[in-house]
Amino acid sequence: MSAFEDREKAFEAKFQLDEETAFKVNARRDKLLGLWVAEQIGLTGQQAQVYARSVVYSDLADSHHDSMIAKVKGDLERAGIHKTDKELRARMDALLAAAREEVVAEG
């Protein structure tokens, strides 16, 4: 029974680590998206960082990213920049790969 329990604990630990890593990767992707949007609408420095954080927070409650997409799309449109949901989701996909590399590199 001990070997089974050890295997179960190892599985649970790996699952927890995988979930934590996925959360970090998604949050990093959201931050990168926020920084990209900030650049598009002319925010720099601390304003860009604050904006990026607001993008991360907008995605925390919505697993489908609809709230975040609506937020950045609206912010872009107010700046006269028109992007479709599809374009924004494609940008998110590209940033996901970069976010994953950054998080993995940080260890």
PDB file of N, CA and C in Angstrom:
ATOM      1  N   MET A   1       0.814  -1.184   0.000  1.00  0.00           N
ATOM      2  CA  MET A   1       0.000   0.000   0.000  1.00  0.00           C
ATOM      3  C   MET A   1       0.865   1.259   0.000  1.00  0.00           C
ATOM      4  N   SER A   2       2.032   1.206   0.563  1.00  0.00           N
ATOM      5  CA  SER A   2       2.904   2.361   0.673  1.00  0.00           C
ATOM      6  C   SER A   2       3.355   2.860  -0.702  1.00  0.00           C
ATOM      7  N   ALA A   3       3.676   1.936  -1.603  1.00  0.00           N
ATOM      8  CA  ALA A   3       4.097   2.338  -2.944  1.00  0.00           C
ATOM      9  C   ALA A   3       2.952   3.043  -3.669  1.00  0.00           C
ATOM     10  N   PHE A   4       1.750   2.558  -3.493  1.00  0.00           N
ATOM     11  CA  PHE A   4       0.586   3.199  -4.110  1.00  0.00           C
ATOM     12  C   PHE A   4       0.382   4.600  -3.545  1.00  0.00           C
ATOM     13  N   GLU A   5       0.498   4.729  -2.237  1.00  0.00           N
ATOM     14  CA  GLU A   5       0.334   6.044  -1.598  1.00  0.00           C
ATOM     15  C   GLU A   5       1.425   7.011  -2.049  1.00  0.00           C
ATOM     16  N   ASP A   6       2.649   6.514  -2.174  1.00  0.00           N
ATOM     17  CA  ASP A   6       3.754   7.352  -2.650  1.00  0.00           C
ATOM     18  C   ASP A   6       3.490   7.834  -4.078  1.00  0.00           C
ATOM     19  N   ARG A   7       3.023   6.924  -4.902  1.00  0.00           N
ATOM     20  CA  ARG A   7       2.715   7.277  -6.293  1.00  0.00           C
ATOM     21  C   ARG A   7       1.586   8.305  -6.342  1.00  0.00           C
ATOM     22  N   GLU A   8       0.571   8.129  -5.499  1.00  0.00           N
ATOM     23  CA  GLU A   8      -0.546   9.064  -5.443  1.00  0.00           C
ATOM     24  C   GLU A   8      -0.062  10.449  -5.005  1.00  0.00           C
ATOM     25  N   LYS A   9       0.787  10.504  -4.002  1.00  0.00           N
ATOM     26  CA  LYS A   9       1.324  11.783  -3.537  1.00  0.00           C
ATOM     27  C   LYS A   9       2.163  12.447  -4.620  1.00  0.00           C
ATOM     28  N   ALA A  10       2.947  11.677  -5.333  1.00  0.00           N
ATOM     29  CA  ALA A  10       3.771  12.220  -6.417  1.00  0.00           C
ATOM     30  C   ALA A  10       2.885  12.771  -7.529  1.00  0.00           C
ATOM     31  N   PHE A  11       1.817  12.056  -7.858  1.00  0.00           N
ATOM     32  CA  PHE A  11       0.880  12.515  -8.873  1.00  0.00           C
ATOM     33  C   PHE A  11       0.231  13.822  -8.445  1.00  0.00           C
ATOM     34  N   GLU A  12      -0.191  13.893  -7.183  1.00  0.00           N
ATOM     35  CA  GLU A  12      -0.820  15.106  -6.669  1.00  0.00           C
ATOM     36  C   GLU A  12       0.151  16.287  -6.689  1.00  0.00           C
ATOM     37  N   ALA A  13       1.401  16.039  -6.335  1.00  0.00           N
ATOM     38  CA  ALA A  13       2.414  17.103  -6.345  1.00  0.00           C
ATOM     39  C   ALA A  13       2.668  17.589  -7.762  1.00  0.00           C
ATOM     40  N   LYS A  14       2.729  16.669  -8.711  1.00  0.00           N
ATOM     41  CA  LYS A  14       2.947  17.053 -10.108  1.00  0.00           C
ATOM     42  C   LYS A  14       1.752  17.841 -10.635  1.00  0.00           C
ATOM     43  N   PHE A  15       0.567  17.395 -10.298  1.00  0.00           N
ATOM     44  CA  PHE A  15      -0.640  18.103 -10.724  1.00  0.00           C
ATOM     45  C   PHE A  15      -0.639  19.531 -10.183  1.00  0.00           C
ATOM     46  N   GLN A  16      -0.300  19.671  -8.900  1.00  0.00           N
ATOM     47  CA  GLN A  16      -0.260  20.995  -8.282  1.00  0.00           C
ATOM     48  C   GLN A  16       0.785  21.880  -8.971  1.00  0.00           C
ATOM     49  N   LEU A  17       1.942  21.338  -9.244  1.00  0.00           N
ATOM     50  CA  LEU A  17       2.996  22.095  -9.925  1.00  0.00           C
ATOM     51  C   LEU A  17       2.561  22.495 -11.335  1.00  0.00           C
ATOM     52  N   ASP A  18       1.933  21.571 -12.057  1.00  0.00           N
ATOM     53  CA  ASP A  18       1.450  21.872 -13.407  1.00  0.00           C
ATOM     54  C   ASP A  18       0.399  22.986 -13.391  1.00  0.00           C
ATOM     55  N   GLU A  19      -0.507  22.933 -12.413  1.00  0.00           N
ATOM     56  CA  GLU A  19      -1.540  23.963 -12.296  1.00  0.00           C
ATOM     57  C   GLU A  19      -0.923  25.320 -11.960  1.00  0.00           C
ATOM     58  N   GLU A  20       0.044  25.328 -11.069  1.00  0.00           N
ATOM     59  CA  GLU A  20       0.718  26.565 -10.691  1.00  0.00           C
ATOM     60  C   GLU A  20       1.465  27.156 -11.879  1.00  0.00           C
ATOM     61  N   THR A  21       2.123  26.295 -12.635  1.00  0.00           N
ATOM     62  CA  THR A  21       2.856  26.749 -13.822  1.00  0.00           C
ATOM     63  C   THR A  21       1.893  27.305 -14.858  1.00  0.00           C
ATOM     64  N   ALA A  22       0.775  26.634 -15.080  1.00  0.00           N
ATOM     65  CA  ALA A  22      -0.217  27.116 -16.048  1.00  0.00           C
ATOM     66  C   ALA A  22      -0.765  28.474 -15.626  1.00  0.00           C
ATOM     67  N   PHE A  23      -1.003  28.657 -14.344  1.00  0.00           N
ATOM     68  CA  PHE A  23      -1.484  29.946 -13.847  1.00  0.00           C
ATOM     69  C   PHE A  23      -0.451  31.037 -14.107  1.00  0.00           C
ATOM     70  N   LYS A  24       0.810  30.753 -13.812  1.00  0.00           N
ATOM     71  CA  LYS A  24       1.878  31.730 -14.032  1.00  0.00           C
ATOM     72  C   LYS A  24       2.022  32.071 -15.512  1.00  0.00           C
ATOM     73  N   VAL A  25       1.940  31.069 -16.370  1.00  0.00           N
ATOM     74  CA  VAL A  25       2.066  31.293 -17.816  1.00  0.00           C
ATOM     75  C   VAL A  25       0.917  32.164 -18.313  1.00  0.00           C
ATOM     76  N   ASN A  26      -0.301  31.862 -17.893  1.00  0.00           N
ATOM     77  CA  ASN A  26      -1.453  32.665 -18.326  1.00  0.00           C
ATOM     78  C   ASN A  26      -1.356  34.100 -17.821  1.00  0.00           C
ATOM     79  N   ALA A  27      -0.949  34.265 -16.567  1.00  0.00           N
ATOM     80  CA  ALA A  27      -0.797  35.617 -16.022  1.00  0.00           C
ATOM     81  C   ALA A  27       0.289  36.379 -16.775  1.00  0.00           C
ATOM     82  N   ARG A  28       1.373  35.706 -17.106  1.00  0.00           N
ATOM     83  CA  ARG A  28       2.452  36.355 -17.862  1.00  0.00           C
ATOM     84  C   ARG A  28       1.975  36.726 -19.261  1.00  0.00           C
ATOM     85  N   ARG A  29       1.212  35.835 -19.893  1.00  0.00           N
ATOM     86  CA  ARG A  29       0.662  36.137 -21.218  1.00  0.00           C
ATOM     87  C   ARG A  29      -0.237  37.371 -21.147  1.00  0.00           C
ATOM     88  N   ASP A  30      -1.063  37.430 -20.122  1.00  0.00           N
ATOM     89  CA  ASP A  30      -1.963  38.569 -19.962  1.00  0.00           C
ATOM     90  C   ASP A  30      -1.181  39.860 -19.752  1.00  0.00           C
ATOM     91  N   LYS A  31      -0.104  39.777 -18.980  1.00  0.00           N
ATOM     92  CA  LYS A  31       0.739  40.954 -18.762  1.00  0.00           C
ATOM     93  C   LYS A  31       1.384  41.392 -20.077  1.00  0.00           C
ATOM     94  N   LEU A  32       1.888  40.443 -20.832  1.00  0.00           N
ATOM     95  CA  LEU A  32       2.500  40.775 -22.129  1.00  0.00           C
ATOM     96  C   LEU A  32       1.477  41.391 -23.072  1.00  0.00           C
ATOM     97  N   LEU A  33       0.258  40.868 -23.057  1.00  0.00           N
ATOM     98  CA  LEU A  33      -0.806  41.448 -23.872  1.00  0.00           C
ATOM     99  C   LEU A  33      -1.088  42.878 -23.411  1.00  0.00           C
ATOM    100  N   GLY A  34      -1.159  43.064 -22.101  1.00  0.00           N
ATOM    101  CA  GLY A  34      -1.391  44.396 -21.564  1.00  0.00           C
ATOM    102  C   GLY A  34      -0.301  45.377 -21.955  1.00  0.00           C
ATOM    103  N   LEU A  35       0.943  44.931 -21.927  1.00  0.00           N
ATOM    104  CA  LEU A  35       2.050  45.803 -22.330  1.00  0.00           C
ATOM    105  C   LEU A  35       1.978  46.128 -23.816  1.00  0.00           C
ATOM    106  N   TRP A  36       1.564  45.143 -24.625  1.00  0.00           N
ATOM    107  CA  TRP A  36       1.419  45.380 -26.065  1.00  0.00           C
ATOM    108  C   TRP A  36       0.310  46.402 -26.322  1.00  0.00           C
ATOM    109  N   VAL A  37      -0.829  46.236 -25.658  1.00  0.00           N
ATOM    110  CA  VAL A  37      -1.936  47.184 -25.826  1.00  0.00           C
ATOM    111  C   VAL A  37      -1.510  48.561 -25.328  1.00  0.00           C
ATOM    112  N   ALA A  38      -0.827  48.603 -24.192  1.00  0.00           N
ATOM    113  CA  ALA A  38      -0.357  49.883 -23.653  1.00  0.00           C
ATOM    114  C   ALA A  38       0.506  50.611 -24.679  1.00  0.00           C
ATOM    115  N   GLU A  39       1.373  49.874 -25.322  1.00  0.00           N
ATOM    116  CA  GLU A  39       2.217  50.472 -26.364  1.00  0.00           C
ATOM    117  C   GLU A  39       1.368  50.999 -27.517  1.00  0.00           C
ATOM    118  N   GLN A  40       0.364  50.233 -27.903  1.00  0.00           N
ATOM    119  CA  GLN A  40      -0.510  50.635 -29.005  1.00  0.00           C
ATOM    120  C   GLN A  40      -1.262  51.931 -28.701  1.00  0.00           C
ATOM    121  N   ILE A  41      -1.646  52.110 -27.432  1.00  0.00           N
ATOM    122  CA  ILE A  41      -2.453  53.282 -27.079  1.00  0.00           C
ATOM    123  C   ILE A  41      -1.607  54.413 -26.501  1.00  0.00           C
ATOM    124  N   GLY A  42      -0.291  54.237 -26.520  1.00  0.00           N
ATOM    125  CA  GLY A  42       0.608  55.324 -26.151  1.00  0.00           C
ATOM    126  C   GLY A  42       0.985  55.423 -24.690  1.00  0.00           C
ATOM    127  N   LEU A  43       0.786  54.363 -23.931  1.00  0.00           N
ATOM    128  CA  LEU A  43       1.198  54.378 -22.526  1.00  0.00           C
ATOM    129  C   LEU A  43       2.636  53.884 -22.409  1.00  0.00           C
ATOM    130  N   THR A  44       3.393  54.480 -21.523  1.00  0.00           N
ATOM    131  CA  THR A  44       4.772  54.069 -21.307  1.00  0.00           C
ATOM    132  C   THR A  44       5.071  54.018 -19.817  1.00  0.00           C
ATOM    133  N   GLY A  45       6.199  53.443 -19.481  1.00  0.00           N
ATOM    134  CA  GLY A  45       6.679  53.425 -18.106  1.00  0.00           C
ATOM    135  C   GLY A  45       5.689  52.855 -17.117  1.00  0.00           C
ATOM    136  N   GLN A  46       5.519  53.567 -16.020  1.00  0.00           N
ATOM    137  CA  GLN A  46       4.642  53.109 -14.931  1.00  0.00           C
ATOM    138  C   GLN A  46       3.196  52.977 -15.392  1.00  0.00           C
ATOM    139  N   GLN A  47       2.750  53.880 -16.267  1.00  0.00           N
ATOM    140  CA  GLN A  47       1.372  53.790 -16.770  1.00  0.00           C
ATOM    141  C   GLN A  47       1.157  52.487 -17.528  1.00  0.00           C
ATOM    142  N   ALA A  48       2.139  52.084 -18.309  1.00  0.00           N
ATOM    143  CA  ALA A  48       2.039  50.828 -19.057  1.00  0.00           C
ATOM    144  C   ALA A  48       1.998  49.640 -18.103  1.00  0.00           C
ATOM    145  N   GLN A  49       2.798  49.682 -17.038  1.00  0.00           N
ATOM    146  CA  GLN A  49       2.811  48.589 -16.064  1.00  0.00           C
ATOM    147  C   GLN A  49       1.473  48.488 -15.334  1.00  0.00           C
ATOM    148  N   VAL A  50       0.929  49.625 -14.954  1.00  0.00           N
ATOM    149  CA  VAL A  50      -0.371  49.641 -14.271  1.00  0.00           C
ATOM    150  C   VAL A  50      -1.451  49.111 -15.204  1.00  0.00           C
ATOM    151  N   TYR A  51      -1.414  49.535 -16.461  1.00  0.00           N
ATOM    152  CA  TYR A  51      -2.396  49.055 -17.427  1.00  0.00           C
ATOM    153  C   TYR A  51      -2.273  47.532 -17.595  1.00  0.00           C
ATOM    154  N   ALA A  52      -1.040  47.037 -17.726  1.00  0.00           N
ATOM    155  CA  ALA A  52      -0.826  45.597 -17.899  1.00  0.00           C
ATOM    156  C   ALA A  52      -1.394  44.820 -16.716  1.00  0.00           C
ATOM    157  N   ARG A  53      -1.199  45.346 -15.507  1.00  0.00           N
ATOM    158  CA  ARG A  53      -1.764  44.696 -14.323  1.00  0.00           C
ATOM    159  C   ARG A  53      -3.283  44.655 -14.390  1.00  0.00           C
ATOM    160  N   SER A  54      -3.881  45.729 -14.899  1.00  0.00           N
ATOM    161  CA  SER A  54      -5.345  45.751 -14.994  1.00  0.00           C
ATOM    162  C   SER A  54      -5.847  44.702 -15.982  1.00  0.00           C
ATOM    163  N   VAL A  55      -5.065  44.429 -17.009  1.00  0.00           N
ATOM    164  CA  VAL A  55      -5.431  43.382 -17.973  1.00  0.00           C
ATOM    165  C   VAL A  55      -5.366  42.016 -17.293  1.00  0.00           C
ATOM    166  N   VAL A  56      -4.319  41.784 -16.521  1.00  0.00           N
ATOM    167  CA  VAL A  56      -4.191  40.512 -15.791  1.00  0.00           C
ATOM    168  C   VAL A  56      -5.396  40.328 -14.871  1.00  0.00           C
ATOM    169  N   TYR A  57      -5.743  41.346 -14.103  1.00  0.00           N
ATOM    170  CA  TYR A  57      -6.874  41.252 -13.174  1.00  0.00           C
ATOM    171  C   TYR A  57      -8.190  41.007 -13.909  1.00  0.00           C
ATOM    172  N   SER A  58      -8.336  41.595 -15.099  1.00  0.00           N
ATOM    173  CA  SER A  58      -9.589  41.427 -15.830  1.00  0.00           C
ATOM    174  C   SER A  58      -9.785  39.995 -16.309  1.00  0.00           C
ATOM    175  N   ASP A  59      -8.704  39.223 -16.367  1.00  0.00           N
ATOM    176  CA  ASP A  59      -8.804  37.848 -16.862  1.00  0.00           C
ATOM    177  C   ASP A  59      -8.956  36.822 -15.742  1.00  0.00           C
ATOM    178  N   LEU A  60      -8.740  37.207 -14.514  1.00  0.00           N
ATOM    179  CA  LEU A  60      -8.735  36.229 -13.421  1.00  0.00           C
ATOM    180  C   LEU A  60     -10.069  35.521 -13.213  1.00  0.00           C
ATOM    181  N   ALA A  61     -11.168  36.205 -13.423  1.00  0.00           N
ATOM    182  CA  ALA A  61     -12.475  35.627 -13.128  1.00  0.00           C
ATOM    183  C   ALA A  61     -13.121  34.940 -14.319  1.00  0.00           C
ATOM    184  N   ASP A  62     -12.485  34.964 -15.471  1.00  0.00           N
ATOM    185  CA  ASP A  62     -13.130  34.491 -16.691  1.00  0.00           C
ATOM    186  C   ASP A  62     -12.212  33.535 -17.446  1.00  0.00           C
ATOM    187  N   SER A  63     -12.490  32.256 -17.382  1.00  0.00           N
ATOM    188  CA  SER A  63     -11.620  31.269 -18.007  1.00  0.00           C
ATOM    189  C   SER A  63     -11.665  31.290 -19.536  1.00  0.00           C
ATOM    190  N   HIS A  64     -12.661  31.948 -20.098  1.00  0.00           N
ATOM    191  CA  HIS A  64     -12.758  32.031 -21.560  1.00  0.00           C
ATOM    192  C   HIS A  64     -12.138  33.311 -22.106  1.00  0.00           C
ATOM    193  N   HIS A  65     -11.641  34.162 -21.225  1.00  0.00           N
ATOM    194  CA  HIS A  65     -10.943  35.407 -21.578  1.00  0.00           C
ATOM    195  C   HIS A  65     -11.848  36.465 -22.199  1.00  0.00           C
ATOM    196  N   ASP A  66     -13.161  36.266 -22.153  1.00  0.00           N
ATOM    197  CA  ASP A  66     -14.073  37.225 -22.780  1.00  0.00           C
ATOM    198  C   ASP A  66     -13.986  38.613 -22.148  1.00  0.00           C
ATOM    199  N   SER A  67     -13.868  38.673 -20.822  1.00  0.00           N
ATOM    200  CA  SER A  67     -13.780  39.962 -20.133  1.00  0.00           C
ATOM    201  C   SER A  67     -12.518  40.708 -20.543  1.00  0.00           C
ATOM    202  N   MET A  68     -11.423  39.982 -20.605  1.00  0.00           N
ATOM    203  CA  MET A  68     -10.153  40.595 -20.971  1.00  0.00           C
ATOM    204  C   MET A  68     -10.188  41.082 -22.417  1.00  0.00           C
ATOM    205  N   ILE A  69     -10.710  40.269 -23.305  1.00  0.00           N
ATOM    206  CA  ILE A  69     -10.798  40.656 -24.719  1.00  0.00           C
ATOM    207  C   ILE A  69     -11.660  41.908 -24.855  1.00  0.00           C
ATOM    208  N   ALA A  70     -12.793  41.934 -24.158  1.00  0.00           N
ATOM    209  CA  ALA A  70     -13.674  43.105 -24.225  1.00  0.00           C
ATOM    210  C   ALA A  70     -12.968  44.345 -23.703  1.00  0.00           C
ATOM    211  N   LYS A  71     -12.208  44.198 -22.626  1.00  0.00           N
ATOM    212  CA  LYS A  71     -11.493  45.334 -22.047  1.00  0.00           C
ATOM    213  C   LYS A  71     -10.469  45.886 -23.026  1.00  0.00           C
ATOM    214  N   VAL A  72      -9.576  45.026 -23.525  1.00  0.00           N
ATOM    215  CA  VAL A  72      -8.513  45.542 -24.390  1.00  0.00           C
ATOM    216  C   VAL A  72      -9.073  46.034 -25.730  1.00  0.00           C
ATOM    217  N   LYS A  73     -10.095  45.354 -26.218  1.00  0.00           N
ATOM    218  CA  LYS A  73     -10.716  45.797 -27.474  1.00  0.00           C
ATOM    219  C   LYS A  73     -11.327  47.184 -27.302  1.00  0.00           C
ATOM    220  N   GLY A  74     -12.024  47.388 -26.190  1.00  0.00           N
ATOM    221  CA  GLY A  74     -12.612  48.694 -25.919  1.00  0.00           C
ATOM    222  C   GLY A  74     -11.559  49.776 -25.752  1.00  0.00           C
ATOM    223  N   ASP A  75     -10.490  49.452 -25.038  1.00  0.00           N
ATOM    224  CA  ASP A  75      -9.413  50.420 -24.839  1.00  0.00           C
ATOM    225  C   ASP A  75      -8.734  50.768 -26.162  1.00  0.00           C
ATOM    226  N   LEU A  76      -8.530  49.772 -26.994  1.00  0.00           N
ATOM    227  CA  LEU A  76      -7.942  50.032 -28.313  1.00  0.00           C
ATOM    228  C   LEU A  76      -8.874  50.884 -29.167  1.00  0.00           C
ATOM    229  N   GLU A  77     -10.151  50.555 -29.147  1.00  0.00           N
ATOM    230  CA  GLU A  77     -11.115  51.313 -29.961  1.00  0.00           C
ATOM    231  C   GLU A  77     -11.207  52.769 -29.514  1.00  0.00           C
ATOM    232  N   ARG A  78     -11.124  53.005 -28.201  1.00  0.00           N
ATOM    233  CA  ARG A  78     -11.137  54.386 -27.713  1.00  0.00           C
ATOM    234  C   ARG A  78      -9.923  55.161 -28.208  1.00  0.00           C
ATOM    235  N   ALA A  79      -8.860  54.446 -28.527  1.00  0.00           N
ATOM    236  CA  ALA A  79      -7.646  55.074 -29.057  1.00  0.00           C
ATOM    237  C   ALA A  79      -7.656  55.105 -30.592  1.00  0.00           C
ATOM    238  N   GLY A  80      -8.765  54.654 -31.191  1.00  0.00           N
ATOM    239  CA  GLY A  80      -8.880  54.678 -32.643  1.00  0.00           C
ATOM    240  C   GLY A  80      -8.234  53.496 -33.343  1.00  0.00           C
ATOM    241  N   ILE A  81      -7.951  52.437 -32.585  1.00  0.00           N
ATOM    242  CA  ILE A  81      -7.326  51.232 -33.141  1.00  0.00           C
ATOM    243  C   ILE A  81      -8.368  50.117 -33.123  1.00  0.00           C
ATOM    244  N   HIS A  82      -8.657  49.570 -34.276  1.00  0.00           N
ATOM    245  CA  HIS A  82      -9.706  48.555 -34.371  1.00  0.00           C
ATOM    246  C   HIS A  82      -9.084  47.177 -34.591  1.00  0.00           C
ATOM    247  N   LYS A  83      -9.359  46.287 -33.668  1.00  0.00           N
ATOM    248  CA  LYS A  83      -8.911  44.896 -33.740  1.00  0.00           C
ATOM    249  C   LYS A  83     -10.114  44.001 -33.518  1.00  0.00           C
ATOM    250  N   THR A  84     -10.156  42.902 -34.235  1.00  0.00           N
ATOM    251  CA  THR A  84     -11.230  41.930 -34.037  1.00  0.00           C
ATOM    252  C   THR A  84     -10.867  41.012 -32.878  1.00  0.00           C
ATOM    253  N   ASP A  85     -11.885  40.333 -32.361  1.00  0.00           N
ATOM    254  CA  ASP A  85     -11.626  39.338 -31.316  1.00  0.00           C
ATOM    255  C   ASP A  85     -10.627  38.301 -31.826  1.00  0.00           C
ATOM    256  N   LYS A  86     -10.783  37.909 -33.072  1.00  0.00           N
ATOM    257  CA  LYS A  86      -9.894  36.904 -33.661  1.00  0.00           C
ATOM    258  C   LYS A  86      -8.449  37.401 -33.676  1.00  0.00           C
ATOM    259  N   GLU A  87      -8.249  38.654 -34.035  1.00  0.00           N
ATOM    260  CA  GLU A  87      -6.893  39.217 -34.047  1.00  0.00           C
ATOM    261  C   GLU A  87      -6.304  39.260 -32.636  1.00  0.00           C
ATOM    262  N   LEU A  88      -7.127  39.633 -31.674  1.00  0.00           N
ATOM    263  CA  LEU A  88      -6.638  39.701 -30.296  1.00  0.00           C
ATOM    264  C   LEU A  88      -6.327  38.317 -29.747  1.00  0.00           C
ATOM    265  N   ARG A  89      -7.159  37.344 -30.083  1.00  0.00           N
ATOM    266  CA  ARG A  89      -6.892  35.973 -29.625  1.00  0.00           C
ATOM    267  C   ARG A  89      -5.639  35.400 -30.303  1.00  0.00           C
ATOM    268  N   ALA A  90      -5.403  35.769 -31.547  1.00  0.00           N
ATOM    269  CA  ALA A  90      -4.173  35.336 -32.230  1.00  0.00           C
ATOM    270  C   ALA A  90      -2.955  35.943 -31.537  1.00  0.00           C
ATOM    271  N   ARG A  91      -3.057  37.207 -31.143  1.00  0.00           N
ATOM    272  CA  ARG A  91      -1.963  37.855 -30.410  1.00  0.00           C
ATOM    273  C   ARG A  91      -1.744  37.139 -29.084  1.00  0.00           C
ATOM    274  N   MET A  92      -2.839  36.779 -28.415  1.00  0.00           N
ATOM    275  CA  MET A  92      -2.737  36.043 -27.150  1.00  0.00           C
ATOM    276  C   MET A  92      -2.029  34.709 -27.347  1.00  0.00           C
ATOM    277  N   ASP A  93      -2.355  34.006 -28.418  1.00  0.00           N
ATOM    278  CA  ASP A  93      -1.719  32.717 -28.698  1.00  0.00           C
ATOM    279  C   ASP A  93      -0.215  32.888 -28.903  1.00  0.00           C
ATOM    280  N   ALA A  94       0.160  33.923 -29.649  1.00  0.00           N
ATOM    281  CA  ALA A  94       1.586  34.175 -29.889  1.00  0.00           C
ATOM    282  C   ALA A  94       2.288  34.529 -28.575  1.00  0.00           C
ATOM    283  N   LEU A  95       1.637  35.315 -27.757  1.00  0.00           N
ATOM    284  CA  LEU A  95       2.236  35.713 -26.483  1.00  0.00           C
ATOM    285  C   LEU A  95       2.284  34.570 -25.481  1.00  0.00           C
ATOM    286  N   LEU A  96       1.383  33.601 -25.636  1.00  0.00           N
ATOM    287  CA  LEU A  96       1.394  32.445 -24.743  1.00  0.00           C
ATOM    288  C   LEU A  96       2.705  31.679 -24.866  1.00  0.00           C
ATOM    289  N   ALA A  97       3.181  31.513 -26.078  1.00  0.00           N
ATOM    290  CA  ALA A  97       4.446  30.809 -26.283  1.00  0.00           C
ATOM    291  C   ALA A  97       5.603  31.573 -25.635  1.00  0.00           C
ATOM    292  N   ALA A  98       5.614  32.881 -25.804  1.00  0.00           N
ATOM    293  CA  ALA A  98       6.672  33.700 -25.192  1.00  0.00           C
ATOM    294  C   ALA A  98       6.573  33.646 -23.673  1.00  0.00           C
ATOM    295  N   ALA A  99       5.355  33.704 -23.146  1.00  0.00           N
ATOM    296  CA  ALA A  99       5.154  33.641 -21.698  1.00  0.00           C
ATOM    297  C   ALA A  99       5.633  32.311 -21.139  1.00  0.00           C
ATOM    298  N   ARG A 100       5.329  31.224 -21.835  1.00  0.00           N
ATOM    299  CA  ARG A 100       5.743  29.894 -21.384  1.00  0.00           C
ATOM    300  C   ARG A 100       7.257  29.825 -21.324  1.00  0.00           C
ATOM    301  N   GLU A 101       7.949  30.344 -22.353  1.00  0.00           N
ATOM    302  CA  GLU A 101       9.411  30.335 -22.358  1.00  0.00           C
ATOM    303  C   GLU A 101       9.981  31.127 -21.179  1.00  0.00           C
ATOM    304  N   GLU A 102       9.390  32.296 -20.904  1.00  0.00           N
ATOM    305  CA  GLU A 102       9.863  33.121 -19.793  1.00  0.00           C
ATOM    306  C   GLU A 102       9.682  32.423 -18.451  1.00  0.00           C
ATOM    307  N   VAL A 103       8.508  31.842 -18.237  1.00  0.00           N
ATOM    308  CA  VAL A 103       8.229  31.193 -16.958  1.00  0.00           C
ATOM    309  C   VAL A 103       9.132  29.976 -16.764  1.00  0.00           C
ATOM    310  N   VAL A 104       9.323  29.206 -17.810  1.00  0.00           N
ATOM    311  CA  VAL A 104      10.188  28.017 -17.722  1.00  0.00           C
ATOM    312  C   VAL A 104      11.639  28.442 -17.455  1.00  0.00           C
ATOM    313  N   ALA A 105      12.077  29.518 -18.112  1.00  0.00           N
ATOM    314  CA  ALA A 105      13.439  30.000 -17.927  1.00  0.00           C
ATOM    315  C   ALA A 105      13.688  30.486 -16.495  1.00  0.00           C
ATOM    316  N   GLU A 106      12.634  31.023 -15.875  1.00  0.00           N
ATOM    317  CA  GLU A 106      12.755  31.484 -14.494  1.00  0.00           C
ATOM    318  C   GLU A 106      12.830  30.332 -13.500  1.00  0.00           C
ATOM    319  N   GLY A 107      12.363  29.175 -13.973  1.00  0.00           N
ATOM    320  CA  GLY A 107      12.458  27.970 -13.161  1.00  0.00           C
ATOM    321  C   GLY A 107      11.391  27.877 -12.165  1.00  0.00           C
TER     322      GLY A 107
END
